[in-house]
PDB file of N, CA and C in Angstrom:
ATOM      1  N   MET A   1     -32.697 -68.729  -7.884  1.00  0.00           N
ATOM      2  CA  MET A   1     -32.370 -70.132  -7.976  1.00  0.00           C
ATOM      3  C   MET A   1     -33.036 -70.854  -6.812  1.00  0.00           C
ATOM      4  N   LEU A   2     -33.617 -71.979  -7.112  1.00  0.00           N
ATOM      5  CA  LEU A   2     -34.243 -72.786  -6.083  1.00  0.00           C
ATOM      6  C   LEU A   2     -33.640 -74.170  -6.141  1.00  0.00           C
ATOM      7  N   SER A   3     -33.179 -74.646  -5.020  1.00  0.00           N
ATOM      8  CA  SER A   3     -32.591 -75.972  -4.934  1.00  0.00           C
ATOM      9  C   SER A   3     -33.107 -76.632  -3.671  1.00  0.00           C
ATOM     10  N   GLU A   4     -33.376 -77.907  -3.762  1.00  0.00           N
ATOM     11  CA  GLU A   4     -33.879 -78.623  -2.608  1.00  0.00           C
ATOM     12  C   GLU A   4     -33.113 -79.922  -2.461  1.00  0.00           C
ATOM     13  N   GLU A   5     -32.786 -80.276  -1.235  1.00  0.00           N
ATOM     14  CA  GLU A   5     -32.070 -81.511  -0.974  1.00  0.00           C
ATOM     15  C   GLU A   5     -32.719 -82.193   0.217  1.00  0.00           C
ATOM     16  N   THR A   6     -32.849 -83.486   0.133  1.00  0.00           N
ATOM     17  CA  THR A   6     -33.393 -84.249   1.245  1.00  0.00           C
ATOM     18  C   THR A   6     -32.457 -85.399   1.566  1.00  0.00           C
ATOM     19  N   GLN A   7     -32.412 -85.764   2.799  1.00  0.00           N
ATOM     20  CA  GLN A   7     -31.600 -86.887   3.258  1.00  0.00           C
ATOM     21  C   GLN A   7     -32.473 -87.762   4.129  1.00  0.00           C
ATOM     22  N   GLN A   8     -32.209 -89.061   4.072  1.00  0.00           N
ATOM     23  CA  GLN A   8     -32.984 -89.986   4.875  1.00  0.00           C
ATOM     24  C   GLN A   8     -32.038 -90.917   5.627  1.00  0.00           C
ATOM     25  N   GLY A   9     -32.530 -91.462   6.695  1.00  0.00           N
ATOM     26  CA  GLY A   9     -31.780 -92.464   7.430  1.00  0.00           C
ATOM     27  C   GLY A   9     -31.245 -91.935   8.739  1.00  0.00           C
ATOM     28  N   PRO A  10     -30.843 -92.865   9.603  1.00  0.00           N
ATOM     29  CA  PRO A  10     -30.399 -92.482  10.943  1.00  0.00           C
ATOM     30  C   PRO A  10     -29.133 -91.635  10.960  1.00  0.00           C
ATOM     31  N   PHE A  11     -28.198 -91.868  10.032  1.00  0.00           N
ATOM     32  CA  PHE A  11     -26.973 -91.069  10.018  1.00  0.00           C
ATOM     33  C   PHE A  11     -27.299 -89.597   9.832  1.00  0.00           C
ATOM     34  N   PHE A  12     -28.095 -89.296   8.823  1.00  0.00           N
ATOM     35  CA  PHE A  12     -28.409 -87.899   8.537  1.00  0.00           C
ATOM     36  C   PHE A  12     -29.237 -87.272   9.647  1.00  0.00           C
ATOM     37  N   LEU A  13     -30.139 -88.037  10.192  1.00  0.00           N
ATOM     38  CA  LEU A  13     -30.953 -87.516  11.286  1.00  0.00           C
ATOM     39  C   LEU A  13     -30.072 -87.178  12.487  1.00  0.00           C
ATOM     40  N   GLU A  14     -29.179 -88.078  12.836  1.00  0.00           N
ATOM     41  CA  GLU A  14     -28.330 -87.872  14.018  1.00  0.00           C
ATOM     42  C   GLU A  14     -27.227 -86.840  13.754  1.00  0.00           C
ATOM     43  N   GLU A  15     -26.440 -87.057  12.705  1.00  0.00           N
ATOM     44  CA  GLU A  15     -25.271 -86.205  12.449  1.00  0.00           C
ATOM     45  C   GLU A  15     -25.642 -84.802  11.984  1.00  0.00           C
ATOM     46  N   LEU A  16     -26.562 -84.709  11.061  1.00  0.00           N
ATOM     47  CA  LEU A  16     -26.896 -83.391  10.526  1.00  0.00           C
ATOM     48  C   LEU A  16     -28.094 -82.771  11.212  1.00  0.00           C
ATOM     49  N   GLY A  17     -28.920 -83.572  11.802  1.00  0.00           N
ATOM     50  CA  GLY A  17     -30.117 -83.044  12.449  1.00  0.00           C
ATOM     51  C   GLY A  17     -29.888 -82.647  13.888  1.00  0.00           C
ATOM     52  N   ARG A  18     -29.373 -83.572  14.662  1.00  0.00           N
ATOM     53  CA  ARG A  18     -29.244 -83.324  16.107  1.00  0.00           C
ATOM     54  C   ARG A  18     -27.883 -82.765  16.502  1.00  0.00           C
ATOM     55  N   LYS A  19     -26.811 -83.341  15.978  1.00  0.00           N
ATOM     56  CA  LYS A  19     -25.466 -82.914  16.395  1.00  0.00           C
ATOM     57  C   LYS A  19     -25.027 -81.615  15.739  1.00  0.00           C
ATOM     58  N   ASN A  20     -25.466 -81.375  14.509  1.00  0.00           N
ATOM     59  CA  ASN A  20     -25.036 -80.187  13.762  1.00  0.00           C
ATOM     60  C   ASN A  20     -26.227 -79.505  13.094  1.00  0.00           C
ATOM     61  N   PRO A  21     -27.122 -78.954  13.883  1.00  0.00           N
ATOM     62  CA  PRO A  21     -28.282 -78.316  13.257  1.00  0.00           C
ATOM     63  C   PRO A  21     -27.845 -77.189  12.315  1.00  0.00           C
ATOM     64  N   GLY A  22     -28.440 -77.164  11.149  1.00  0.00           N
ATOM     65  CA  GLY A  22     -28.096 -76.142  10.166  1.00  0.00           C
ATOM     66  C   GLY A  22     -26.922 -76.494   9.279  1.00  0.00           C
ATOM     67  N   ALA A  23     -26.270 -77.635   9.509  1.00  0.00           N
ATOM     68  CA  ALA A  23     -25.079 -77.992   8.738  1.00  0.00           C
ATOM     69  C   ALA A  23     -25.403 -78.194   7.263  1.00  0.00           C
ATOM     70  N   LEU A  24     -26.487 -78.876   6.968  1.00  0.00           N
ATOM     71  CA  LEU A  24     -26.830 -79.126   5.576  1.00  0.00           C
ATOM     72  C   LEU A  24     -27.076 -77.805   4.848  1.00  0.00           C
ATOM     73  N   TYR A  25     -27.758 -76.886   5.499  1.00  0.00           N
ATOM     74  CA  TYR A  25     -27.974 -75.569   4.895  1.00  0.00           C
ATOM     75  C   TYR A  25     -26.636 -74.874   4.628  1.00  0.00           C
ATOM     76  N   ARG A  26     -25.720 -74.905   5.606  1.00  0.00           N
ATOM     77  CA  ARG A  26     -24.413 -74.248   5.429  1.00  0.00           C
ATOM     78  C   ARG A  26     -23.622 -74.881   4.291  1.00  0.00           C
ATOM     79  N   TYR A  27     -23.605 -76.220   4.215  1.00  0.00           N
ATOM     80  CA  TYR A  27     -22.887 -76.899   3.136  1.00  0.00           C
ATOM     81  C   TYR A  27     -23.483 -76.522   1.788  1.00  0.00           C
ATOM     82  N   HIS A  28     -24.792 -76.480   1.711  1.00  0.00           N
ATOM     83  CA  HIS A  28     -25.457 -76.119   0.465  1.00  0.00           C
ATOM     84  C   HIS A  28     -25.148 -74.674   0.092  1.00  0.00           C
ATOM     85  N   GLN A  29     -25.183 -73.778   1.062  1.00  0.00           N
ATOM     86  CA  GLN A  29     -24.890 -72.365   0.801  1.00  0.00           C
ATOM     87  C   GLN A  29     -23.453 -72.191   0.315  1.00  0.00           C
ATOM     88  N   ASP A  30     -22.510 -72.893   0.928  1.00  0.00           N
ATOM     89  CA  ASP A  30     -21.114 -72.840   0.478  1.00  0.00           C
ATOM     90  C   ASP A  30     -20.998 -73.293  -0.975  1.00  0.00           C
ATOM     91  N   TRP A  31     -21.693 -74.379  -1.313  1.00  0.00           N
ATOM     92  CA  TRP A  31     -21.651 -74.914  -2.663  1.00  0.00           C
ATOM     93  C   TRP A  31     -22.201 -73.900  -3.660  1.00  0.00           C
ATOM     94  N   VAL A  32     -23.329 -73.265  -3.337  1.00  0.00           N
ATOM     95  CA  VAL A  32     -23.927 -72.276  -4.233  1.00  0.00           C
ATOM     96  C   VAL A  32     -22.994 -71.080  -4.419  1.00  0.00           C
ATOM     97  N   GLU A  33     -22.359 -70.634  -3.356  1.00  0.00           N
ATOM     98  CA  GLU A  33     -21.435 -69.497  -3.451  1.00  0.00           C
ATOM     99  C   GLU A  33     -20.206 -69.849  -4.289  1.00  0.00           C
ATOM    100  N   LEU A  34     -19.700 -71.068  -4.150  1.00  0.00           N
ATOM    101  CA  LEU A  34     -18.568 -71.508  -4.982  1.00  0.00           C
ATOM    102  C   LEU A  34     -18.959 -71.554  -6.459  1.00  0.00           C
ATOM    103  N   LEU A  35     -20.159 -72.041  -6.748  1.00  0.00           N
ATOM    104  CA  LEU A  35     -20.635 -72.058  -8.127  1.00  0.00           C
ATOM    105  C   LEU A  35     -20.720 -70.644  -8.683  1.00  0.00           C
ATOM    106  N   ALA A  36     -21.228 -69.721  -7.904  1.00  0.00           N
ATOM    107  CA  ALA A  36     -21.357 -68.334  -8.353  1.00  0.00           C
ATOM    108  C   ALA A  36     -19.986 -67.731  -8.641  1.00  0.00           C
ATOM    109  N   ARG A  37     -19.020 -67.949  -7.751  1.00  0.00           N
ATOM    110  CA  ARG A  37     -17.668 -67.409  -7.979  1.00  0.00           C
ATOM    111  C   ARG A  37     -17.038 -68.005  -9.229  1.00  0.00           C
ATOM    112  N   ALA A  38     -17.231 -69.307  -9.442  1.00  0.00           N
ATOM    113  CA  ALA A  38     -16.670 -69.951 -10.633  1.00  0.00           C
ATOM    114  C   ALA A  38     -17.307 -69.381 -11.900  1.00  0.00           C
ATOM    115  N   ALA A  39     -18.610 -69.183 -11.874  1.00  0.00           N
ATOM    116  CA  ALA A  39     -19.300 -68.624 -13.039  1.00  0.00           C
ATOM    117  C   ALA A  39     -18.848 -67.192 -13.304  1.00  0.00           C
ATOM    118  N   GLU A  40     -18.692 -66.411 -12.268  1.00  0.00           N
ATOM    119  CA  GLU A  40     -18.243 -65.028 -12.425  1.00  0.00           C
ATOM    120  C   GLU A  40     -16.827 -64.978 -12.997  1.00  0.00           C
ATOM    121  N   ALA A  41     -15.945 -65.837 -12.518  1.00  0.00           N
ATOM    122  CA  ALA A  41     -14.568 -65.862 -13.012  1.00  0.00           C
ATOM    123  C   ALA A  41     -14.535 -66.280 -14.485  1.00  0.00           C
ATOM    124  N   GLU A  42     -15.352 -67.243 -14.851  1.00  0.00           N
ATOM    125  CA  GLU A  42     -15.405 -67.688 -16.239  1.00  0.00           C
ATOM    126  C   GLU A  42     -15.954 -66.590 -17.141  1.00  0.00           C
ATOM    127  N   ALA A  43     -16.977 -65.899 -16.679  1.00  0.00           N
ATOM    128  CA  ALA A  43     -17.559 -64.814 -17.467  1.00  0.00           C
ATOM    129  C   ALA A  43     -16.562 -63.677 -17.644  1.00  0.00           C
ATOM    130  N   GLU A  44     -15.830 -63.361 -16.590  1.00  0.00           N
ATOM    131  CA  GLU A  44     -14.836 -62.290 -16.680  1.00  0.00           C
ATOM    132  C   GLU A  44     -13.713 -62.659 -17.637  1.00  0.00           C
ATOM    133  N   ALA A  45     -13.283 -63.914 -17.594  1.00  0.00           N
ATOM    134  CA  ALA A  45     -12.211 -64.353 -18.483  1.00  0.00           C
ATOM    135  C   ALA A  45     -12.645 -64.354 -19.938  1.00  0.00           C
ATOM    136  N   ALA A  46     -13.938 -64.454 -20.183  1.00  0.00           N
ATOM    137  CA  ALA A  46     -14.458 -64.507 -21.546  1.00  0.00           C
ATOM    138  C   ALA A  46     -14.730 -63.135 -22.141  1.00  0.00           C
ATOM    139  N   THR A  47     -14.587 -62.068 -21.373  1.00  0.00           N
ATOM    140  CA  THR A  47     -14.851 -60.729 -21.913  1.00  0.00           C
ATOM    141  C   THR A  47     -13.733 -60.341 -22.878  1.00  0.00           C
ATOM    142  N   PRO A  48     -14.072 -59.590 -23.923  1.00  0.00           N
ATOM    143  CA  PRO A  48     -13.060 -59.202 -24.917  1.00  0.00           C
ATOM    144  C   PRO A  48     -11.858 -58.472 -24.306  1.00  0.00           C
ATOM    145  N   ALA A  49     -12.051 -57.690 -23.284  1.00  0.00           N
ATOM    146  CA  ALA A  49     -10.947 -56.934 -22.674  1.00  0.00           C
ATOM    147  C   ALA A  49      -9.929 -57.859 -22.020  1.00  0.00           C
ATOM    148  N   ASN A  50     -10.325 -59.055 -21.670  1.00  0.00           N
ATOM    149  CA  ASN A  50      -9.424 -59.975 -20.971  1.00  0.00           C
ATOM    150  C   ASN A  50      -8.808 -61.021 -21.891  1.00  0.00           C
ATOM    151  N   ARG A  51      -9.127 -60.963 -23.174  1.00  0.00           N
ATOM    152  CA  ARG A  51      -8.551 -61.935 -24.114  1.00  0.00           C
ATOM    153  C   ARG A  51      -7.204 -61.422 -24.623  1.00  0.00           C
ATOM    154  N   PRO A  52      -6.254 -62.341 -24.801  1.00  0.00           N
ATOM    155  CA  PRO A  52      -4.943 -61.904 -25.321  1.00  0.00           C
ATOM    156  C   PRO A  52      -5.074 -61.345 -26.741  1.00  0.00           C
ATOM    157  N   ALA A  53      -4.243 -60.368 -27.073  1.00  0.00           N
ATOM    158  CA  ALA A  53      -4.302 -59.737 -28.397  1.00  0.00           C
ATOM    159  C   ALA A  53      -3.590 -60.568 -29.432  1.00  0.00           C
TER     160      ALA A  53
END
């Protein structure tokens, strides 16, 4: 999976660039991991073994 995000303006430069280097990467990584867990849980719930009889 490839995802790219860009931010512009003084807020992003100051807050995410200088005060919290790497923050945008961490937020993005957290989001991707949450998506993966949600997809895995949905896939597991959809398996025939997990459906009510």
